[in-house]
Amino acid sequence: MKKGKSKTAKQKRIRKWLAAVLLAVLMTGVVPYDAAQAEETNLDLYARGAVLMDADSGRVLYGKEEDTVLPMASTTKIMTCILALERGNLEDEAEASAYAASQPQVHLGMRKGERFYLKDLLYSLMLESHNDSAVVIAEHIGGSVEGFAKLMNEKAKEIGCTDTHFITPNGLDAEEVVDGIQVRHSTTAKDLARIMRYCIMISPQKEMFLEITRTANYGFANRQGNRSYSCTNHNAFLSMMDGALSGKTGFTGGAGYCYVGALRRGERTFVVALLACGWPNHRTYKWIDTRKLMEYGIKNYAYQNIYREVPQVVIKVNEGAPEGERYDPYAEVTVEAEIKEMEKGQEEELNVLLSAEDEVKIDVFYVEELEAPVSKGTKAGGIVYKVNGEAIKEYELILSGDVARKDLPYMGKYILQEFLLAG
C-alpha cells in the first residue's frame, strides 16, 4: 500500500462494515477437523497426576490433576542428565566422594576415590537409575549437591516450570526449609512434561540425551581400570510402542511409581508424565497409563493449518498529510497495518495439533487512530490465535507506510497552490 491514502466518507463506511462482518465470521467459527468423533476424554487413569503434552508447542492435550504438586522420584534424573550434558564435558573425570558412595539402592556400588568419565556416569544414571552416580555428577558439575540443586531449580524456572523444587539430583524423598516454609522435593505432571520436552526438543544437547536414554546396554570401567560395570536400560516403553523416543522411570515410598516418556509418530511428538501411579505391587500401572495416553493422542490429534486471512486493518492518522500532487489539509488520511512476520510470497501457514473438540479463535486488536507523523514498521496491534482460550501464536501488526504531518511548510504549499489555481 502507498503511504498516506485518503478515503471518502462513503468508502470508509463500506470498508468498516465489511471488516466488521468478516471479523465476526472469522472469530466465532471453529476450525473444522475431518476425523472420527473423539473418544471419551475421561481416560480412567491410575496415576494421580498425569499429562499428555504436544512436545512441539508445549500445549497440554490431556490432564488429570496436572498442577498438583507431588514427589517425582527418579524422573528427577532427566534434569540431572540434561544439566550435566549442557554444563560438563563427556570426557571429564569425576571422583566419588564418601557421600556419593553411601547412597542407597539402586546404586552402582562405587567406592570412595573411584574416578569415572562423566559420559559413563550418565549411562549409569539413565539406564540403571543409580543414585550414587547422580551424586557424583552433581558434585562434579555443581561443586556440591546443594550447588547442583540450585542449578536444577534455575533451569526449571528457565524452562517455564512454576511448581517444581529440586533438593536431590537422584530424586530420593527429601524436604528442606525455604524462606521459613517447609518444601519437599517435588513437581507437577505438567512441569515434569515441560522438562522432558526441553530435553528432547529444545536443549542444544537433545541428540546426546536421546542417544543415552535409548541405549539398550552399556559397559564401562573406572578410570583406575580395576573395576568394570555393565548397565541395562529398564525403560520398557522403548520396546512397547512404535516411535518410542525416551523415558525415565522412578519409585520411592513417598512418590510411588512415576514415569515420563516421549513418542514420535510422523510429525507428531507426544510427552507423557505420570506421578503417584500406584505403589507395590502395581509397577505395571505406569505402562498401562502411558499406553492409554499415547494412543489417545495418536487417535485424536492431527496437525491442521489454522492460518486465516483477517480483514484489512486501516488506521486513521490525525493531522496526516495525504500523498499526491495536490495539497489538501482537509483530506482524511489512513494507513494500513500488515502482519510483521509475513513476507511477500511467503506461504501463509500455522500448523497446530488439534482434535475434533478443540476450538480455535482469532483475536485482532489495533489502535484506531494515530497522530502524525507515523513511520513504517511501527507496531500498531496484533493478531492472537487461541486454542480453547489459550494463546498459541501472536503476530504483530505493523504500519505498512510512512505518513508525514501537516506542518507549517505543508500548509504554506497548500496556500501557494490555491493562490496559483485562483489566478
Protein backbone atom coordinates (compact mmCIF):
# COMPACT_ATOMS: atom_id res chain seq x y z
CA MET A 1 0.00 0.00 0.00
CA LYS A 2 1.13 3.52 -0.68
CA LYS A 3 1.55 5.78 2.29
CA GLY A 4 -0.93 8.47 3.23
CA LYS A 5 -4.04 7.21 1.43
CA SER A 6 -7.13 9.38 1.76
CA LYS A 7 -10.66 7.93 1.65
CA THR A 8 -14.08 9.36 1.01
CA ALA A 9 -16.60 9.03 3.83
CA LYS A 10 -18.64 6.54 1.81
CA GLN A 11 -15.64 4.33 1.04
CA LYS A 12 -14.66 4.37 4.70
CA ARG A 13 -18.15 3.32 5.86
CA ILE A 14 -18.28 0.44 3.36
CA ARG A 15 -14.81 -0.77 4.30
CA LYS A 16 -15.53 -0.67 8.06
CA TRP A 17 -18.81 -2.55 7.54
CA LEU A 18 -17.12 -5.28 5.51
CA ALA A 19 -14.30 -5.58 8.03
CA ALA A 20 -16.76 -5.95 10.91
CA VAL A 21 -18.72 -8.68 9.10
CA LEU A 22 -15.59 -10.62 8.10
CA LEU A 23 -14.07 -10.36 11.56
CA ALA A 24 -17.26 -11.59 13.22
CA VAL A 25 -17.36 -14.64 10.94
CA LEU A 26 -13.67 -15.30 11.48
CA MET A 27 -13.70 -15.10 15.25
CA THR A 28 -16.80 -17.14 16.00
CA GLY A 29 -16.01 -20.16 13.87
CA VAL A 30 -14.43 -23.42 14.97
CA VAL A 31 -11.70 -24.72 12.70
CA PRO A 32 -13.11 -27.86 11.05
CA TYR A 33 -11.35 -31.16 11.55
CA ASP A 34 -12.06 -34.20 9.40
CA ALA A 35 -11.70 -37.00 11.92
CA ALA A 36 -13.82 -39.56 13.69
CA GLN A 37 -15.61 -38.45 16.80
CA ALA A 38 -13.05 -38.02 19.60
CA GLU A 39 -13.16 -40.72 22.24
CA GLU A 40 -14.32 -40.12 25.77
CA THR A 41 -11.91 -37.76 27.50
CA ASN A 42 -12.15 -39.44 30.89
CA LEU A 43 -9.36 -41.96 30.44
CA ASP A 44 -9.72 -43.53 33.89
CA LEU A 45 -6.01 -43.39 34.70
CA TYR A 46 -4.30 -44.96 37.69
CA ALA A 47 -1.94 -42.01 38.16
CA ARG A 48 -2.96 -39.24 40.49
CA GLY A 49 -1.23 -36.62 38.34
CA ALA A 50 -0.98 -37.11 34.59
CA VAL A 51 -0.32 -35.13 31.41
CA LEU A 52 -0.29 -35.76 27.68
CA MET A 53 1.63 -32.90 26.06
CA ASP A 54 2.25 -31.82 22.48
CA ALA A 55 6.05 -31.66 22.51
CA ASP A 56 6.13 -29.24 19.60
CA SER A 57 4.09 -26.47 21.21
CA GLY A 58 4.13 -27.46 24.88
CA ARG A 59 0.33 -27.47 24.96
CA VAL A 60 -1.35 -29.86 27.38
CA LEU A 61 -3.67 -32.12 25.38
CA TYR A 62 -4.96 -34.10 28.35
CA GLY A 63 -4.51 -33.52 32.05
CA LYS A 64 -5.51 -35.09 35.33
CA GLU A 65 -4.55 -33.07 38.40
CA GLU A 66 -1.74 -31.77 36.20
CA ASP A 67 -0.98 -28.89 38.59
CA THR A 68 -0.98 -30.95 41.80
CA VAL A 69 2.44 -30.82 43.49
CA LEU A 70 3.80 -34.33 44.12
CA PRO A 71 7.20 -36.01 44.64
CA MET A 72 8.70 -37.39 41.40
CA ALA A 73 11.33 -39.95 42.47
CA SER A 74 13.95 -40.82 39.82
CA THR A 75 12.21 -38.99 36.98
CA THR A 76 14.30 -36.21 38.57
CA LYS A 77 17.28 -37.68 36.74
CA ILE A 78 16.24 -36.29 33.35
CA MET A 79 17.08 -32.85 34.76
CA THR A 80 20.34 -34.15 36.24
CA CYS A 81 21.29 -35.61 32.87
CA ILE A 82 20.48 -32.59 30.70
CA LEU A 83 22.28 -30.21 33.08
CA ALA A 84 25.38 -32.40 33.06
CA LEU A 85 25.32 -32.56 29.26
CA GLU A 86 24.96 -28.78 28.95
CA ARG A 87 27.48 -27.79 31.62
CA GLY A 88 30.01 -30.60 31.56
CA ASN A 89 32.28 -32.41 29.12
CA LEU A 90 31.70 -36.10 28.43
CA GLU A 91 35.43 -36.75 28.82
CA ASP A 92 35.58 -35.04 32.22
CA GLU A 93 36.78 -37.24 35.09
CA ALA A 94 34.70 -37.18 38.26
CA GLU A 95 35.68 -38.70 41.59
CA ALA A 96 33.35 -40.45 44.03
CA SER A 97 33.10 -38.86 47.46
CA ALA A 98 32.28 -40.74 50.64
CA TYR A 99 28.79 -39.23 50.50
CA ALA A 100 28.25 -40.42 46.94
CA ALA A 101 29.45 -43.92 47.78
CA SER A 102 26.99 -44.06 50.71
CA GLN A 103 23.87 -43.64 48.57
CA PRO A 104 21.19 -46.32 48.94
CA GLN A 105 19.95 -48.76 46.34
CA VAL A 106 19.57 -48.53 43.45
CA HIS A 107 23.30 -47.80 43.17
CA LEU A 108 26.34 -48.63 41.07
CA GLY A 109 28.25 -49.71 44.19
CA MET A 110 31.17 -47.37 43.66
CA ARG A 111 33.79 -46.78 46.30
CA LYS A 112 35.21 -43.55 47.66
CA GLY A 113 38.03 -42.30 45.45
CA GLU A 114 36.98 -44.16 42.30
CA ARG A 115 37.12 -41.97 39.21
CA PHE A 116 34.83 -42.16 36.19
CA TYR A 117 34.29 -40.44 32.90
CA LEU A 118 31.21 -38.20 33.07
CA LYS A 119 29.85 -39.97 29.99
CA ASP A 120 29.92 -43.35 31.75
CA LEU A 121 28.18 -41.93 34.80
CA LEU A 122 25.37 -40.56 32.61
CA TYR A 123 24.67 -44.02 31.19
CA SER A 124 24.69 -45.41 34.72
CA LEU A 125 22.30 -42.64 35.75
CA MET A 126 19.75 -43.06 32.96
CA LEU A 127 19.84 -46.79 32.21
CA GLU A 128 20.06 -48.20 35.73
CA SER A 129 18.97 -45.11 37.70
CA HIS A 130 21.98 -45.34 40.03
CA ASN A 131 21.70 -42.94 42.95
CA ASP A 132 25.43 -42.79 43.67
CA SER A 133 26.20 -41.82 40.07
CA ALA A 134 23.71 -38.96 40.39
CA VAL A 135 25.57 -37.57 43.40
CA VAL A 136 28.99 -37.82 41.73
CA ILE A 137 27.59 -35.94 38.71
CA ALA A 138 26.03 -33.29 40.96
CA GLU A 139 29.22 -32.73 42.96
CA HIS A 140 31.31 -32.55 39.79
CA ILE A 141 29.03 -30.07 37.96
CA GLY A 142 27.72 -28.02 40.89
CA GLY A 143 30.55 -28.32 43.40
CA SER A 144 28.14 -29.91 45.87
CA VAL A 145 24.69 -31.44 45.91
CA GLU A 146 23.32 -28.14 47.20
CA GLY A 147 25.08 -26.20 44.46
CA PHE A 148 23.74 -28.55 41.81
CA ALA A 149 20.21 -28.32 43.23
CA LYS A 150 20.43 -24.56 42.79
CA LEU A 151 21.33 -25.07 39.14
CA MET A 152 18.43 -27.51 38.76
CA ASN A 153 15.94 -25.00 40.16
CA GLU A 154 17.31 -22.21 37.97
CA LYS A 155 16.95 -24.40 34.88
CA ALA A 156 13.42 -25.38 35.89
CA LYS A 157 12.40 -21.72 36.02
CA GLU A 158 14.10 -21.07 32.69
CA ILE A 159 12.09 -23.91 31.12
CA GLY A 160 8.86 -22.45 32.48
CA CYS A 161 8.21 -24.72 35.46
CA THR A 162 6.16 -22.90 38.08
CA ASP A 163 5.63 -25.59 40.73
CA THR A 164 8.89 -27.52 40.87
CA HIS A 165 11.51 -27.69 43.61
CA PHE A 166 14.66 -29.82 43.43
CA ILE A 167 16.65 -30.84 46.51
CA THR A 168 18.45 -34.01 45.38
CA PRO A 169 19.96 -34.99 42.00
CA ASN A 170 18.61 -38.55 42.26
CA GLY A 171 15.00 -37.96 43.33
CA LEU A 172 15.17 -39.55 46.77
CA ASP A 173 12.44 -38.16 49.03
CA ALA A 174 13.67 -35.01 50.79
CA GLU A 175 12.44 -31.84 52.47
CA GLU A 176 14.04 -28.52 53.37
CA VAL A 177 13.04 -25.12 54.71
CA VAL A 178 12.99 -22.29 52.15
CA ASP A 179 12.16 -18.78 53.39
CA GLY A 180 10.63 -20.24 56.52
CA ILE A 181 8.44 -22.70 54.59
CA GLN A 182 8.86 -26.47 54.58
CA VAL A 183 9.28 -27.58 50.97
CA ARG A 184 9.70 -31.09 49.62
CA HIS A 185 11.45 -32.39 46.52
CA SER A 186 8.52 -32.20 44.14
CA THR A 187 7.00 -31.19 40.82
CA THR A 188 3.73 -31.45 38.90
CA ALA A 189 2.82 -33.65 35.94
CA LYS A 190 2.73 -30.52 33.76
CA ASP A 191 6.17 -29.32 34.88
CA LEU A 192 7.68 -32.78 34.50
CA ALA A 193 6.36 -32.95 30.93
CA ARG A 194 7.86 -29.50 30.28
CA ILE A 195 11.26 -30.72 31.44
CA MET A 196 11.12 -33.77 29.17
CA ARG A 197 10.01 -31.57 26.28
CA TYR A 198 13.05 -29.38 26.89
CA CYS A 199 15.36 -32.41 26.98
CA ILE A 200 14.19 -33.87 23.65
CA MET A 201 13.11 -30.81 21.66
CA ILE A 202 14.90 -27.65 22.82
CA SER A 203 18.19 -28.31 24.60
CA PRO A 204 21.35 -27.95 22.50
CA GLN A 205 22.24 -31.40 23.89
CA LYS A 206 18.95 -33.04 22.90
CA GLU A 207 20.56 -35.52 20.48
CA MET A 208 23.01 -36.79 23.09
CA PHE A 209 20.20 -37.02 25.64
CA LEU A 210 18.22 -39.19 23.23
CA GLU A 211 21.26 -41.31 22.40
CA ILE A 212 21.92 -42.07 26.06
CA THR A 213 18.33 -42.75 27.06
CA ARG A 214 17.68 -45.02 24.05
CA THR A 215 20.74 -47.22 24.57
CA ALA A 216 19.83 -50.80 25.49
CA ASN A 217 23.09 -51.88 27.14
CA TYR A 218 26.33 -50.15 28.12
CA GLY A 219 29.56 -51.25 29.73
CA PHE A 220 32.47 -49.29 31.19
CA ALA A 221 35.33 -49.39 33.70
CA ASN A 222 36.51 -46.92 36.30
CA ARG A 223 39.49 -44.74 35.38
CA GLN A 224 41.80 -46.80 37.61
CA GLY A 225 40.93 -49.76 35.38
CA ASN A 226 40.43 -52.18 38.26
CA ARG A 227 36.62 -52.46 38.25
CA SER A 228 34.15 -52.95 35.39
CA TYR A 229 30.43 -52.23 35.27
CA SER A 230 27.53 -53.02 32.95
CA CYS A 231 24.16 -51.27 32.61
CA THR A 232 20.83 -52.37 31.12
CA ASN A 233 18.07 -49.98 30.17
CA HIS A 234 14.96 -50.60 32.30
CA ASN A 235 12.65 -48.34 30.28
CA ALA A 236 10.17 -50.95 28.97
CA PHE A 237 8.33 -48.27 26.99
CA LEU A 238 11.13 -48.22 24.39
CA SER A 239 10.01 -51.64 23.11
CA MET A 240 6.33 -51.21 23.98
CA MET A 241 5.21 -48.80 21.24
CA ASP A 242 6.44 -47.88 17.77
CA GLY A 243 8.10 -44.49 17.79
CA ALA A 244 9.11 -44.55 21.48
CA LEU A 245 11.85 -41.94 21.91
CA SER A 246 12.93 -41.71 25.51
CA GLY A 247 11.79 -42.02 29.09
CA LYS A 248 12.64 -42.40 32.76
CA THR A 249 11.04 -44.45 35.49
CA GLY A 250 11.01 -43.66 39.19
CA PHE A 251 9.91 -45.02 42.54
CA THR A 252 10.19 -44.05 46.20
CA GLY A 253 7.96 -44.80 49.14
CA GLY A 254 6.71 -41.22 49.14
CA ALA A 255 6.31 -40.80 45.39
CA GLY A 256 5.00 -44.17 44.31
CA TYR A 257 5.66 -45.27 40.74
CA CYS A 258 6.36 -42.39 38.36
CA TYR A 259 7.19 -42.14 34.68
CA VAL A 260 7.94 -39.59 31.99
CA GLY A 261 8.35 -40.61 28.35
CA ALA A 262 8.16 -39.43 24.76
CA LEU A 263 6.95 -40.87 21.46
CA ARG A 264 7.16 -39.65 17.86
CA ARG A 265 4.84 -40.68 15.05
CA GLY A 266 5.49 -38.86 11.81
CA GLU A 267 5.38 -35.12 12.54
CA ARG A 268 3.72 -35.59 15.91
CA THR A 269 5.70 -35.87 19.15
CA PHE A 270 3.94 -36.59 22.45
CA VAL A 271 5.18 -36.47 26.04
CA VAL A 272 3.50 -38.34 28.90
CA ALA A 273 4.19 -37.59 32.57
CA LEU A 274 2.76 -39.68 35.42
CA LEU A 275 3.05 -39.09 39.17
CA ALA A 276 1.83 -41.31 42.02
CA CYS A 277 0.90 -44.07 39.59
CA GLY A 278 0.40 -46.85 42.12
CA TRP A 279 2.53 -48.46 44.82
CA PRO A 280 3.78 -52.05 45.20
CA ASN A 281 2.60 -54.39 43.84
CA HIS A 282 1.36 -52.26 40.95
CA ARG A 283 4.50 -51.38 39.00
CA THR A 284 2.71 -52.12 35.68
CA TYR A 285 0.16 -49.32 36.19
CA LYS A 286 2.55 -46.76 34.72
CA TRP A 287 2.84 -48.72 31.47
CA ILE A 288 -0.93 -49.08 31.21
CA ASP A 289 -1.44 -45.34 31.71
CA THR A 290 1.39 -44.43 29.33
CA ARG A 291 -0.02 -46.55 26.52
CA LYS A 292 -3.52 -45.23 27.13
CA LEU A 293 -2.42 -41.60 26.92
CA MET A 294 -0.17 -42.11 23.89
CA GLU A 295 -2.89 -43.99 21.99
CA TYR A 296 -5.36 -41.24 22.87
CA GLY A 297 -3.02 -38.66 21.36
CA ILE A 298 -2.32 -40.71 18.24
CA LYS A 299 -6.01 -41.39 17.59
CA ASN A 300 -7.41 -37.95 18.25
CA TYR A 301 -4.80 -35.35 17.28
CA ALA A 302 -3.57 -34.28 13.85
CA TYR A 303 -1.86 -31.18 12.50
CA GLN A 304 -4.13 -28.54 10.95
CA ASN A 305 -3.25 -25.30 9.21
CA ILE A 306 -5.30 -22.76 11.17
CA TYR A 307 -3.95 -19.64 9.46
CA ARG A 308 -6.80 -17.44 8.22
CA GLU A 309 -6.90 -14.19 6.31
CA VAL A 310 -8.02 -11.36 8.56
CA PRO A 311 -9.86 -8.24 7.39
CA GLN A 312 -7.66 -5.42 6.21
CA VAL A 313 -6.75 -3.16 9.11
CA VAL A 314 -6.96 0.56 8.31
CA ILE A 315 -5.95 3.17 10.90
CA LYS A 316 -6.85 6.85 10.84
CA VAL A 317 -3.89 9.25 11.05
CA ASN A 318 -4.81 12.58 12.62
CA GLU A 319 -3.06 15.61 11.11
CA GLY A 320 -1.63 13.34 8.43
CA ALA A 321 -0.53 14.79 5.11
CA PRO A 322 -2.04 12.92 2.16
CA GLU A 323 0.13 11.88 -0.75
CA GLY A 324 -0.41 13.21 -4.20
CA GLU A 325 0.39 16.18 -6.39
CA ARG A 326 -2.29 18.35 -4.77
CA TYR A 327 -2.07 19.62 -1.22
CA ASP A 328 -5.28 19.07 0.76
CA PRO A 329 -5.25 19.83 4.52
CA TYR A 330 -8.88 18.67 4.87
CA ALA A 331 -8.44 15.17 3.47
CA GLU A 332 -8.81 12.22 5.87
CA VAL A 333 -5.62 10.14 5.84
CA THR A 334 -5.32 6.46 6.76
CA VAL A 335 -2.54 3.90 6.81
CA GLU A 336 -2.83 0.12 6.60
CA ALA A 337 -1.31 -2.35 9.05
CA GLU A 338 0.18 -5.67 7.97
CA ILE A 339 1.50 -8.80 9.67
CA LYS A 340 5.15 -8.33 10.57
CA GLU A 341 6.22 -11.94 10.08
CA MET A 342 4.72 -12.35 6.62
CA GLU A 343 6.98 -11.57 3.68
CA LYS A 344 5.81 -11.19 0.11
CA GLY A 345 5.23 -14.59 -1.45
CA GLN A 346 5.55 -16.39 1.88
CA GLU A 347 3.15 -19.26 2.32
CA GLU A 348 0.61 -18.45 5.00
CA GLU A 349 0.74 -21.43 7.33
CA LEU A 350 0.26 -22.07 11.05
CA ASN A 351 0.12 -25.77 11.80
CA VAL A 352 -1.27 -26.77 15.19
CA LEU A 353 -2.03 -30.18 16.68
CA LEU A 354 -5.83 -30.32 17.08
CA SER A 355 -8.62 -32.71 17.93
CA ALA A 356 -12.24 -32.58 16.80
CA GLU A 357 -13.17 -30.97 20.12
CA ASP A 358 -10.68 -28.11 20.01
CA GLU A 359 -11.99 -24.62 19.36
CA VAL A 360 -9.83 -22.10 17.51
CA LYS A 361 -10.50 -18.38 17.78
CA ILE A 362 -8.63 -15.38 16.46
CA ASP A 363 -8.45 -12.04 18.26
CA VAL A 364 -7.47 -8.96 16.27
CA PHE A 365 -6.60 -5.76 18.15
CA TYR A 366 -5.18 -2.47 16.95
CA VAL A 367 -5.20 1.27 17.64
CA GLU A 368 -7.98 3.05 15.78
CA GLU A 369 -6.22 6.41 15.50
CA LEU A 370 -2.66 7.70 15.45
CA GLU A 371 -1.14 11.16 15.47
CA ALA A 372 1.10 12.10 12.54
CA PRO A 373 3.87 11.68 11.77
CA VAL A 374 4.00 7.87 11.76
CA SER A 375 6.72 5.55 10.46
CA LYS A 376 6.60 2.32 8.51
CA GLY A 377 7.21 -0.72 10.74
CA THR A 378 5.73 0.81 13.90
CA LYS A 379 3.72 -1.70 15.95
CA ALA A 380 0.02 -0.89 15.78
CA GLY A 381 -1.66 -4.03 17.09
CA GLY A 382 -1.63 -7.80 16.87
CA ILE A 383 -3.41 -10.99 15.88
CA VAL A 384 -3.65 -13.72 18.53
CA TYR A 385 -4.55 -17.33 17.68
CA LYS A 386 -6.15 -19.20 20.58
CA VAL A 387 -6.99 -22.87 21.11
CA ASN A 388 -9.60 -23.42 23.79
CA GLY A 389 -8.89 -19.92 25.07
CA GLU A 390 -5.11 -20.44 25.35
CA ALA A 391 -2.92 -18.17 23.23
CA ILE A 392 -0.64 -20.25 21.00
CA LYS A 393 0.63 -17.72 18.45
CA GLU A 394 0.74 -13.94 18.12
CA TYR A 395 1.61 -11.91 15.06
CA GLU A 396 2.46 -8.23 15.34
CA LEU A 397 0.59 -5.77 13.16
CA ILE A 398 2.89 -3.05 11.89
CA LEU A 399 2.29 0.05 9.78
CA SER A 400 2.89 -0.57 6.08
CA GLY A 401 3.91 3.02 5.25
CA ASP A 402 5.01 6.45 6.45
CA VAL A 403 2.67 9.40 6.91
CA ALA A 404 4.05 12.92 7.28
CA ARG A 405 2.42 15.61 9.40
CA LYS A 406 0.58 18.61 8.01
CA ASP A 407 3.14 21.10 9.32
CA LEU A 408 3.64 24.78 8.51
CA PRO A 409 5.66 24.14 5.31
CA TYR A 410 2.88 21.86 4.08
CA MET A 411 0.20 24.49 4.79
CA GLY A 412 2.34 27.09 3.04
CA LYS A 413 2.50 24.93 -0.05
CA TYR A 414 -1.29 24.49 0.14
CA ILE A 415 -1.85 28.27 0.27
CA LEU A 416 0.53 28.77 -2.66
CA GLN A 417 -1.29 26.08 -4.61
CA GLU A 418 -4.69 27.67 -4.00
CA PHE A 419 -3.34 31.10 -4.93
CA LEU A 420 -1.92 29.82 -8.21
CA LEU A 421 -5.14 27.97 -9.05
CA ALA A 422 -7.25 31.06 -8.30
CA GLY A 423 -5.04 33.10 -10.58
